[in-house]
């Protein structure tokens, strides 16, 4: 999702509580430039998050000992990954993080074959190949299923989301495993915010990831909530808990 989906209002809330915020679109998405468009690479996004921290630290408003990362869904995966590698980060908050984006085993070989065909075509000068981000039945090309409320929630928020994603996105997803990285988030304090009934980023997978994370860590279960519908509820109390976490661990 582009940064204009949800993030500006959340950033304003934190800003109103004495937290300086930076939000941006990853390369190839939303307002950022870069080709091919909608080509998602977790490793690249983690590296660019390191660069964003470097740039942010040049701002005189920023205390270089109190930088925290915050990410939602796929951004939660990237936030935890970047924190594992970059110890300039003082704390991390991952909200409804996507843990495993590899998809079901039956779709692995067809996706790899399509990705190879795409690479050959692009070397011949053709445009990148794209697939729908979400099919009409709610499935995505790698066989996973998103929650029924996902797209209606985005429409309700008035957020235009381009329903296409590069074939190479799925190729890259097959070589990325957060579970091999997340143990190295420690000793940086991390908070996972997990909706109780998340179908898009399964609650079970989030809890399994949290289990292998090392201390210090905190888990906030959003009772009765799905992947995005918490946005339409008592957001204030959810953000207050995150702010409390930051104040206790980052000390401001």
Protein backbone atom coordinates (compact mmCIF):
# COMPACT_ATOMS: atom_id res chain seq x y z
CA UNK A 1 0.00 0.00 0.00
CA UNK A 2 1.21 3.55 -0.68
CA UNK A 3 2.08 5.82 2.23
CA UNK A 4 -1.17 7.77 1.77
CA UNK A 5 -3.02 4.66 2.92
CA UNK A 6 -3.57 5.22 6.64
CA UNK A 7 -0.10 6.49 7.53
CA UNK A 8 -0.54 10.29 7.38
CA UNK A 9 -3.22 10.31 10.10
CA UNK A 10 -1.19 7.99 12.31
CA UNK A 11 1.93 10.10 11.82
CA UNK A 12 0.01 13.25 12.75
CA UNK A 13 -1.16 11.56 15.94
CA UNK A 14 2.40 10.67 16.95
CA UNK A 15 3.60 14.13 15.94
CA UNK A 16 0.98 15.57 18.27
CA UNK A 17 2.59 13.56 21.06
CA UNK A 18 6.12 14.91 20.53
CA UNK A 19 7.31 12.26 18.08
CA UNK A 20 8.97 13.52 14.88
CA UNK A 21 7.82 11.30 11.98
CA UNK A 22 9.03 10.48 8.50
CA UNK A 23 6.79 8.60 6.07
CA UNK A 24 7.73 7.72 2.51
CA UNK A 25 6.84 5.37 -0.33
CA UNK A 26 9.33 2.61 -1.18
CA UNK A 27 10.91 2.82 -4.62
CA UNK A 28 8.47 1.96 -7.40
CA UNK A 29 5.39 2.53 -5.24
CA UNK A 30 3.02 5.44 -4.72
CA UNK A 31 4.65 8.86 -5.03
CA UNK A 32 8.21 7.49 -5.28
CA UNK A 33 9.89 7.12 -8.64
CA UNK A 34 11.61 4.00 -9.85
CA UNK A 35 10.88 1.28 -12.38
CA UNK A 36 9.39 -1.21 -12.70
CA UNK A 37 6.35 -0.05 -10.80
CA UNK A 38 4.78 -2.20 -8.08
CA UNK A 39 7.84 -4.42 -7.91
CA UNK A 40 8.17 -5.33 -4.22
CA UNK A 41 11.47 -6.51 -2.79
CA UNK A 42 11.71 -6.97 0.99
CA UNK A 43 15.51 -7.00 1.01
CA UNK A 44 15.68 -3.78 -1.00
CA UNK A 45 13.07 -2.13 1.18
CA UNK A 46 15.04 -3.02 4.32
CA UNK A 47 18.18 -1.53 2.78
CA UNK A 48 16.31 1.63 1.82
CA UNK A 49 14.97 1.85 5.36
CA UNK A 50 18.60 1.95 6.55
CA UNK A 51 19.13 4.87 4.14
CA UNK A 52 16.00 6.60 5.41
CA UNK A 53 17.36 6.38 8.96
CA UNK A 54 20.65 7.88 7.77
CA UNK A 55 18.82 10.77 6.10
CA UNK A 56 16.49 11.27 9.07
CA UNK A 57 19.38 11.51 11.51
CA UNK A 58 20.60 14.62 9.69
CA UNK A 59 17.48 16.47 10.86
CA UNK A 60 18.27 18.69 13.89
CA UNK A 61 14.92 17.72 15.44
CA UNK A 62 16.02 14.08 15.65
CA UNK A 63 17.87 12.60 18.63
CA UNK A 64 20.17 9.95 17.18
CA UNK A 65 19.68 7.74 20.26
CA UNK A 66 15.88 7.69 19.98
CA UNK A 67 15.05 6.54 16.44
CA UNK A 68 12.23 3.97 16.20
CA UNK A 69 10.78 2.14 13.20
CA UNK A 70 7.05 1.52 12.69
CA UNK A 71 5.56 -0.71 10.00
CA UNK A 72 2.17 -2.13 9.00
CA UNK A 73 1.54 -5.42 7.18
CA UNK A 74 4.42 -5.95 4.72
CA UNK A 75 6.00 -2.87 6.27
CA UNK A 76 5.95 -4.68 9.60
CA UNK A 77 8.05 -7.46 8.07
CA UNK A 78 10.50 -4.90 6.69
CA UNK A 79 10.58 -3.00 10.00
CA UNK A 80 11.60 -6.11 11.96
CA UNK A 81 14.14 -7.09 9.32
CA UNK A 82 15.75 -3.65 9.16
CA UNK A 83 15.88 -3.47 12.96
CA UNK A 84 17.68 -6.82 13.08
CA UNK A 85 20.46 -5.41 10.90
CA UNK A 86 20.65 -1.77 12.05
CA UNK A 87 21.46 -1.15 15.70
CA UNK A 88 21.10 2.61 15.30
CA UNK A 89 17.40 1.81 15.75
CA UNK A 90 16.32 2.16 19.39
CA UNK A 91 12.91 0.45 19.11
CA UNK A 92 10.57 -1.16 16.58
CA UNK A 93 6.79 -1.53 16.29
CA UNK A 94 5.34 -4.03 13.82
CA UNK A 95 1.57 -3.81 13.33
CA UNK A 96 -0.20 -6.84 11.82
CA UNK A 97 3.06 -7.87 10.14
CA UNK A 98 3.10 -10.20 7.16
CA UNK A 99 5.36 -13.04 8.22
CA UNK A 100 5.40 -15.46 5.29
CA UNK A 101 4.82 -14.18 1.75
CA UNK A 102 6.07 -17.28 -0.09
CA UNK A 103 2.60 -18.70 -0.74
CA UNK A 104 1.40 -22.26 -1.00
CA UNK A 105 3.79 -24.98 -2.28
CA UNK A 106 1.55 -25.86 -5.25
CA UNK A 107 2.05 -22.36 -6.68
CA UNK A 108 5.84 -22.27 -6.32
CA UNK A 109 6.82 -23.91 -9.61
CA UNK A 110 4.22 -22.12 -11.79
CA UNK A 111 5.36 -18.76 -10.36
CA UNK A 112 9.03 -19.57 -10.92
CA UNK A 113 8.32 -20.59 -14.52
CA UNK A 114 6.41 -17.36 -15.10
CA UNK A 115 9.21 -15.35 -13.50
CA UNK A 116 11.81 -16.95 -15.78
CA UNK A 117 9.64 -16.23 -18.83
CA UNK A 118 9.33 -12.63 -17.66
CA UNK A 119 13.10 -12.26 -17.27
CA UNK A 120 13.68 -13.61 -20.78
CA UNK A 121 11.02 -11.28 -22.21
CA UNK A 122 12.48 -8.24 -20.47
CA UNK A 123 15.95 -8.98 -21.81
CA UNK A 124 14.33 -8.96 -25.25
CA UNK A 125 12.96 -5.48 -24.57
CA UNK A 126 9.44 -6.31 -23.43
CA UNK A 127 7.65 -4.56 -20.57
CA UNK A 128 7.58 -6.23 -17.14
CA UNK A 129 4.85 -8.80 -16.63
CA UNK A 130 2.17 -8.09 -14.04
CA UNK A 131 -0.51 -10.09 -12.25
CA UNK A 132 -3.54 -8.85 -10.31
CA UNK A 133 -2.67 -8.12 -6.70
CA UNK A 134 -6.04 -9.58 -5.71
CA UNK A 135 -8.14 -11.90 -7.87
CA UNK A 136 -11.93 -11.66 -7.92
CA UNK A 137 -12.23 -14.56 -5.47
CA UNK A 138 -9.99 -12.80 -2.94
CA UNK A 139 -6.94 -14.96 -3.65
CA UNK A 140 -3.55 -13.64 -4.67
CA UNK A 141 -1.34 -15.24 -7.35
CA UNK A 142 0.85 -17.23 -4.95
CA UNK A 143 -2.24 -18.98 -3.57
CA UNK A 144 -2.67 -17.04 -0.34
CA UNK A 145 -6.03 -15.55 0.58
CA UNK A 146 -6.64 -12.05 1.85
CA UNK A 147 -9.44 -11.20 4.23
CA UNK A 148 -12.76 -10.19 2.75
CA UNK A 149 -12.61 -6.83 4.56
CA UNK A 150 -9.26 -5.80 3.07
CA UNK A 151 -10.29 -4.11 -0.18
CA UNK A 152 -13.59 -2.71 1.20
CA UNK A 153 -11.61 -1.16 4.06
CA UNK A 154 -9.30 0.58 1.61
CA UNK A 155 -12.28 1.80 -0.42
CA UNK A 156 -13.92 3.07 2.76
CA UNK A 157 -10.76 5.04 3.51
CA UNK A 158 -10.85 6.48 0.00
CA UNK A 159 -7.47 4.96 -0.83
CA UNK A 160 -6.84 4.12 -4.49
CA UNK A 161 -4.77 0.94 -4.73
CA UNK A 162 -3.55 -0.18 -8.14
CA UNK A 163 -4.56 -3.81 -8.48
CA UNK A 164 -1.43 -5.14 -10.12
CA UNK A 165 1.92 -6.45 -8.92
CA UNK A 166 5.03 -7.55 -10.79
CA UNK A 167 5.66 -11.23 -11.36
CA UNK A 168 9.19 -10.71 -10.01
CA UNK A 169 7.69 -9.71 -6.65
CA UNK A 170 6.75 -13.34 -6.07
CA UNK A 171 10.15 -14.59 -7.24
CA UNK A 172 11.83 -12.32 -4.67
CA UNK A 173 9.37 -13.36 -1.95
CA UNK A 174 10.46 -16.99 -2.35
CA UNK A 175 13.99 -16.07 -1.28
CA UNK A 176 13.02 -13.98 1.77
CA UNK A 177 12.31 -15.46 5.20
CA UNK A 178 11.76 -13.15 8.15
CA UNK A 179 11.83 -16.10 10.56
CA UNK A 180 15.56 -16.54 9.86
CA UNK A 181 16.22 -12.92 10.80
CA UNK A 182 13.85 -11.91 13.57
CA UNK A 183 15.87 -13.42 16.43
CA UNK A 184 18.50 -10.76 15.73
CA UNK A 185 16.12 -7.88 16.49
CA UNK A 186 17.20 -8.29 20.13
CA UNK A 187 18.54 -6.48 22.10
CA UNK A 188 16.51 -3.72 20.42
CA UNK A 189 13.07 -3.51 22.12
CA UNK A 190 10.28 -4.59 19.78
CA UNK A 191 6.50 -4.48 19.99
CA UNK A 192 4.21 -6.64 17.87
CA UNK A 193 0.60 -5.49 17.49
CA UNK A 194 -1.51 -8.45 16.36
CA UNK A 195 -5.21 -8.39 15.43
CA UNK A 196 -6.94 -11.38 17.03
CA UNK A 197 -8.68 -12.42 13.81
CA UNK A 198 -6.18 -11.41 11.12
CA UNK A 199 -6.80 -13.43 7.97
CA UNK A 200 -4.61 -11.42 5.56
CA UNK A 201 -1.50 -11.82 7.72
CA UNK A 202 -2.55 -14.84 9.77
CA UNK A 203 -2.60 -14.31 13.52
CA UNK A 204 -1.08 -17.76 14.04
CA UNK A 205 1.98 -16.84 11.97
CA UNK A 206 2.42 -13.53 13.81
CA UNK A 207 2.33 -15.30 17.17
CA UNK A 208 4.81 -17.93 15.97
CA UNK A 209 7.17 -15.15 14.91
CA UNK A 210 6.76 -13.36 18.24
CA UNK A 211 7.53 -16.62 20.04
CA UNK A 212 11.01 -16.90 18.52
CA UNK A 213 11.83 -13.24 19.04
CA UNK A 214 14.11 -12.61 21.98
CA UNK A 215 13.62 -10.16 24.82
CA UNK A 216 12.90 -7.33 25.22
CA UNK A 217 9.61 -7.76 23.38
CA UNK A 218 5.95 -6.93 23.94
CA UNK A 219 2.76 -8.26 22.35
CA UNK A 220 -0.46 -6.30 22.02
CA UNK A 221 -3.43 -8.43 20.88
CA UNK A 222 -6.21 -6.36 19.32
CA UNK A 223 -9.22 -8.27 20.61
CA UNK A 224 -11.98 -8.95 18.09
CA UNK A 225 -10.15 -7.20 15.27
CA UNK A 226 -9.16 -8.21 11.75
CA UNK A 227 -6.24 -7.03 9.64
CA UNK A 228 -7.42 -3.46 9.03
CA UNK A 229 -10.78 -2.96 10.73
CA UNK A 230 -9.07 -1.76 13.93
CA UNK A 231 -8.59 1.52 12.07
CA UNK A 232 -12.32 2.20 12.39
CA UNK A 233 -12.41 1.50 16.13
CA UNK A 234 -10.71 2.97 19.16
CA UNK A 235 -7.46 3.86 17.41
CA UNK A 236 -6.55 6.28 20.19
CA UNK A 237 -6.13 3.56 22.81
CA UNK A 238 -4.11 1.39 20.40
CA UNK A 239 -1.71 4.22 19.66
CA UNK A 240 -1.52 5.18 23.33
CA UNK A 241 -0.18 1.70 24.11
CA UNK A 242 2.41 2.06 21.38
CA UNK A 243 3.40 5.49 22.68
CA UNK A 244 3.75 4.07 26.18
CA UNK A 245 6.05 1.36 24.80
CA UNK A 246 8.22 3.99 23.13
CA UNK A 247 8.38 6.18 26.21
CA UNK A 248 9.46 3.26 28.39
CA UNK A 249 12.12 1.94 26.02
CA UNK A 250 13.33 5.02 24.17
CA UNK A 251 13.02 7.30 27.21
CA UNK A 252 11.55 10.59 26.08
